[in-house]
C-alpha atoms as a PDB file:
ATOM      1  CA  TYR A   1      -2.041  12.864  -8.088  1.00  0.00           C
ATOM      2  CA  VAL A   2      -1.781   9.269  -9.112  1.00  0.00           C
ATOM      3  CA  ALA A   3      -0.687   6.422  -6.864  1.00  0.00           C
ATOM      4  CA  LEU A   4      -0.063   2.875  -8.046  1.00  0.00           C
ATOM      5  CA  VAL A   5       0.565  -0.586  -6.436  1.00  0.00           C
ATOM      6  CA  ILE A   6       2.813  -2.705  -8.598  1.00  0.00           C
ATOM      7  CA  ASP A   7       3.332  -6.393  -8.080  1.00  0.00           C
ATOM      8  CA  LEU A   8       7.020  -6.565  -8.772  1.00  0.00           C
ATOM      9  CA  TYR A   9       7.015 -10.262  -9.522  1.00  0.00           C
ATOM     10  CA  SER A  10       4.400 -10.047 -12.257  1.00  0.00           C
ATOM     11  CA  ARG A  11       5.016  -6.367 -13.018  1.00  0.00           C
ATOM     12  CA  ALA A  12       1.241  -5.879 -13.026  1.00  0.00           C
ATOM     13  CA  ILE A  13      -0.439  -2.752 -11.637  1.00  0.00           C
ATOM     14  CA  VAL A  14      -2.788  -4.268  -9.089  1.00  0.00           C
ATOM     15  CA  GLY A  15      -4.091  -1.022  -7.436  1.00  0.00           C
ATOM     16  CA  TRP A  16      -4.463   2.641  -8.442  1.00  0.00           C
ATOM     17  CA  GLU A  17      -6.058   5.792  -7.262  1.00  0.00           C
ATOM     18  CA  THR A  18      -6.224   9.418  -8.374  1.00  0.00           C
ATOM     19  CA  SER A  19      -6.885  12.479  -6.218  1.00  0.00           C
ATOM     20  CA  THR A  20      -6.544  16.145  -6.100  1.00  0.00           C
ATOM     21  CA  VAL A  21      -4.804  15.872  -2.697  1.00  0.00           C
ATOM     22  CA  LYS A  22      -2.071  13.474  -1.513  1.00  0.00           C
ATOM     23  CA  ASP A  23      -3.136  12.424   1.883  1.00  0.00           C
ATOM     24  CA  THR A  24      -3.223   9.106   3.716  1.00  0.00           C
ATOM     25  CA  ALA A  25      -6.688   8.192   2.585  1.00  0.00           C
ATOM     26  CA  PHE A  26      -5.592   8.615  -1.030  1.00  0.00           C
ATOM     27  CA  VAL A  27      -2.701   6.059  -0.799  1.00  0.00           C
ATOM     28  CA  GLU A  28      -4.698   3.818   1.558  1.00  0.00           C
ATOM     29  CA  GLN A  29      -7.443   3.356  -1.066  1.00  0.00           C
ATOM     30  CA  ARG A  30      -5.083   2.108  -3.699  1.00  0.00           C
ATOM     31  CA  LEU A  31      -3.569  -0.391  -1.236  1.00  0.00           C
ATOM     32  CA  LYS A  32      -7.026  -1.719  -0.329  1.00  0.00           C
ATOM     33  CA  MET A  33      -7.818  -2.022  -4.017  1.00  0.00           C
ATOM     34  CA  ALA A  34      -4.702  -4.049  -4.642  1.00  0.00           C
ATOM     35  CA  LEU A  35      -5.372  -6.397  -1.742  1.00  0.00           C
ATOM     36  CA  TRP A  36      -8.984  -6.809  -2.789  1.00  0.00           C
ATOM     37  CA  ARG A  37      -8.082  -7.523  -6.408  1.00  0.00           C
ATOM     38  CA  ARG A  38      -5.483 -10.150  -5.406  1.00  0.00           C
ATOM     39  CA  LYS A  39      -7.992 -11.821  -3.026  1.00  0.00           C
ATOM     40  CA  HIS A  40     -10.721 -11.948  -5.630  1.00  0.00           C
ATOM     41  CA  THR A  41      -8.454 -13.352  -8.349  1.00  0.00           C
ATOM     42  CA  LYS A  42      -7.576 -16.239  -6.059  1.00  0.00           C
ATOM     43  CA  ARG A  43      -4.031 -14.912  -5.463  1.00  0.00           C
ATOM     44  CA  PRO A  44      -4.248 -13.445  -1.936  1.00  0.00           C
ATOM     45  CA  VAL A  45      -1.222 -11.692  -0.418  1.00  0.00           C
ATOM     46  CA  ASP A  46       0.665 -13.710   2.177  1.00  0.00           C
ATOM     47  CA  LYS A  47       1.271 -12.316   5.614  1.00  0.00           C
ATOM     48  CA  GLY A  48       4.739 -10.772   5.824  1.00  0.00           C
ATOM     49  CA  LEU A  49       4.789  -9.425   2.304  1.00  0.00           C
ATOM     50  CA  LEU A  50       7.210  -6.535   1.907  1.00  0.00           C
ATOM     51  CA  HIS A  51       5.507  -3.207   1.052  1.00  0.00           C
ATOM     52  CA  HIS A  52       7.959  -0.661  -0.469  1.00  0.00           C
ATOM     53  CA  SER A  53       7.098   2.996  -0.768  1.00  0.00           C
ATOM     54  CA  ASP A  54       8.880   6.315  -0.666  1.00  0.00           C
ATOM     55  CA  ALA A  55       9.174   8.093   2.658  1.00  0.00           C
ATOM     56  CA  GLY A  56       6.331  10.607   2.087  1.00  0.00           C
ATOM     57  CA  SER A  57       4.345  11.601   5.087  1.00  0.00           C
ATOM     58  CA  GLN A  58       1.262   9.784   3.882  1.00  0.00           C
ATOM     59  CA  TYR A  59       3.177   6.466   3.829  1.00  0.00           C
ATOM     60  CA  THR A  60       4.753   7.013   7.264  1.00  0.00           C
ATOM     61  CA  SER A  61       1.574   8.197   8.979  1.00  0.00           C
ATOM     62  CA  ILE A  62       0.283   6.252  11.978  1.00  0.00           C
ATOM     63  CA  ARG A  63      -2.931   5.449  10.130  1.00  0.00           C
ATOM     64  CA  TYR A  64      -1.176   3.946   7.090  1.00  0.00           C
ATOM     65  CA  THR A  65       1.405   1.982   9.091  1.00  0.00           C
ATOM     66  CA  ASP A  66      -1.465   0.647  11.251  1.00  0.00           C
ATOM     67  CA  THR A  67      -3.262  -0.387   7.979  1.00  0.00           C
ATOM     68  CA  LEU A  68      -0.138  -2.273   6.865  1.00  0.00           C
ATOM     69  CA  GLU A  69       0.063  -4.012  10.221  1.00  0.00           C
ATOM     70  CA  ILE A  70      -3.586  -5.023  10.108  1.00  0.00           C
ATOM     71  CA  GLU A  71      -3.128  -6.452   6.635  1.00  0.00           C
ATOM     72  CA  GLY A  72      -0.028  -8.332   7.655  1.00  0.00           C
ATOM     73  CA  LEU A  73       2.247  -6.313   5.378  1.00  0.00           C
ATOM     74  CA  VAL A  74       5.819  -5.205   6.407  1.00  0.00           C
ATOM     75  CA  PRO A  75       6.885  -1.683   5.458  1.00  0.00           C
ATOM     76  CA  SER A  76      10.283  -1.235   3.834  1.00  0.00           C
ATOM     77  CA  ILE A  77      10.795   2.075   5.563  1.00  0.00           C
ATOM     78  CA  GLY A  78      10.508   3.194   9.207  1.00  0.00           C
ATOM     79  CA  SER A  79       8.300   5.920  10.583  1.00  0.00           C
ATOM     80  CA  VAL A  80       9.240   9.548  10.563  1.00  0.00           C
ATOM     81  CA  GLY A  81       9.954   9.339  14.290  1.00  0.00           C
ATOM     82  CA  ASP A  82      12.579   6.500  13.844  1.00  0.00           C
END
C-alpha cells in the first residue's frame, strides 16, 4: 500500500508512506512526515487546516482523528459513528 499527503495549493507531495498493511499507524506516519517537512521548510501548517481523506476505517479511527485534533487539523469527513 502507498499513502500520500498532497498539498493541494502547491500540488506537491509532502508526505508518503508504504506498507504491507493498511492500518492507522500506516496513514498516521505519512501525516506526521508531511507536518514535519512543512515545519522544517519554514512553511508550518496553520491550525484549522482542512484535512481531506477517503472514509476508510484507518482515517476515521479514534486514534487518527485524535491525531488530527492534536495537530490542529480539521477532518473533511465525520467518524464512522456519525
